[in-house]
Structures are given as structure tokens and as C-alpha cells.
Amino acid sequence: MKVSSLIAMVFSDGEVQNRLFYSPGVASFENQRIGALSLGMLKYFEFLLLANMHHPFLMLDEPFSMIDPLFHDVIKEVIKY
């Protein structure tokens, strides 16, 4: 399954889909298969999926481990939001 297909399957709301598709870095791998992603990109993508789901709270254990330092600021902003 491709990243773009999974986003569309998990989120029916177009606004949330756009937020994910336009997140920094996602455009570079949105047409790749999930199994072809590097471990760091997979963890970043998983974080984005989880962070955009409706939940009363989100508990993260080492959210920056194995993720490219370029995306650390993105993760911090999502956590603040």
C-alpha cells in the first residue's frame, strides 16, 4: 500500500488529509510503498498519523529517536498544537 492511499483510507476529512500531505517531507515519499520507507521516515510518518487522530491525549516515548533532525522542529510544533 502506498503512503497516499493509507492517508486517504485512515482519514476521511479532507482538511486532515491536506495537513498530512503538506507536512514537511511527506511529498518526497507519498507515492512510495510503506514497506519501502526507511525506518526513520516510517517513524516520522507514524507520528504524523497518530498525532492527527482524535484522542484525549497522546503519550510518546522518545518521539525523536531515529528521526531525521530536520523533522524535530515539525514534531515539536505538532506536539504543541
Protein backbone atom coordinates (compact mmCIF):
# COMPACT_ATOMS: atom_id res chain seq x y z
CA MET A 1 0.00 0.00 0.00
CA LYS A 2 1.24 3.47 -0.83
CA VAL A 3 1.54 6.24 1.75
CA SER A 4 -1.04 8.38 -0.07
CA SER A 5 -3.55 5.50 -0.10
CA LEU A 6 -3.14 4.90 3.63
CA ILE A 7 -3.70 8.58 4.42
CA ALA A 8 -6.90 8.57 2.36
CA MET A 9 -8.06 5.31 3.99
CA VAL A 10 -7.43 6.40 7.60
CA PHE A 11 -8.69 9.99 7.34
CA SER A 12 -11.92 10.81 5.53
CA ASP A 13 -11.72 14.50 6.43
CA GLY A 14 -10.09 16.40 3.56
CA GLU A 15 -8.63 19.01 5.91
CA VAL A 16 -6.70 16.38 7.87
CA GLN A 17 -5.58 14.71 4.65
CA ASN A 18 -4.24 18.03 3.37
CA ARG A 19 -2.46 18.67 6.66
CA LEU A 20 -0.68 15.32 6.29
CA PHE A 21 0.07 15.65 2.57
CA TYR A 22 1.50 19.15 3.08
CA SER A 23 3.53 18.25 6.18
CA PRO A 24 7.24 18.84 5.57
CA GLY A 25 8.88 15.88 3.89
CA VAL A 26 5.75 13.88 3.10
CA ALA A 27 5.72 14.92 -0.56
CA SER A 28 9.07 13.19 -1.03
CA PHE A 29 7.64 9.77 -0.10
CA GLU A 30 3.86 9.97 -0.59
CA ASN A 31 3.95 7.74 -3.69
CA GLN A 32 6.21 5.10 -2.13
CA ARG A 33 5.02 1.86 -0.65
CA ILE A 34 5.02 1.84 3.13
CA GLY A 35 7.32 -1.19 3.21
CA ALA A 36 9.90 0.69 1.10
CA LEU A 37 10.27 3.59 3.55
CA SER A 38 13.40 3.89 5.64
CA LEU A 39 12.95 3.28 9.35
CA GLY A 40 13.31 6.99 10.12
CA MET A 41 10.75 8.03 7.51
CA LEU A 42 8.38 5.31 8.71
CA LYS A 43 8.63 6.55 12.31
CA TYR A 44 8.04 10.15 11.15
CA PHE A 45 5.01 9.06 9.11
CA GLU A 46 3.63 7.01 12.03
CA PHE A 47 3.99 10.02 14.30
CA LEU A 48 2.08 12.22 11.85
CA LEU A 49 -0.71 9.65 11.57
CA LEU A 50 -1.05 9.24 15.33
CA ALA A 51 -0.80 12.95 16.06
CA ASN A 52 -3.66 13.74 13.67
CA MET A 53 -6.08 11.17 15.07
CA HIS A 54 -8.74 12.24 17.55
CA HIS A 55 -7.69 11.27 21.06
CA PRO A 56 -7.88 12.82 24.53
CA PHE A 57 -4.10 12.65 24.96
CA LEU A 58 -1.03 11.26 23.23
CA MET A 59 1.78 9.66 25.19
CA LEU A 60 5.08 9.49 23.32
CA ASP A 61 8.20 7.57 24.24
CA GLU A 62 11.30 9.06 22.63
CA PRO A 63 9.48 10.77 19.74
CA PHE A 64 12.75 11.96 18.17
CA SER A 65 14.69 8.68 18.14
CA MET A 66 15.81 7.61 14.67
CA ILE A 67 14.05 10.57 13.01
CA ASP A 68 15.98 12.98 10.81
CA PRO A 69 16.90 16.11 12.83
CA LEU A 70 15.28 18.23 10.10
CA PHE A 71 11.89 17.00 11.28
CA HIS A 72 12.43 17.59 15.02
CA ASP A 73 11.01 21.10 14.80
CA VAL A 74 7.98 19.79 12.90
CA ILE A 75 7.33 17.24 15.62
CA LYS A 76 7.69 19.90 18.33
CA GLU A 77 5.14 22.11 16.57
CA VAL A 78 2.67 19.25 16.16
CA ILE A 79 3.03 18.36 19.84
CA LYS A 80 2.35 21.99 20.83
CA TYR A 81 -0.73 22.14 18.58
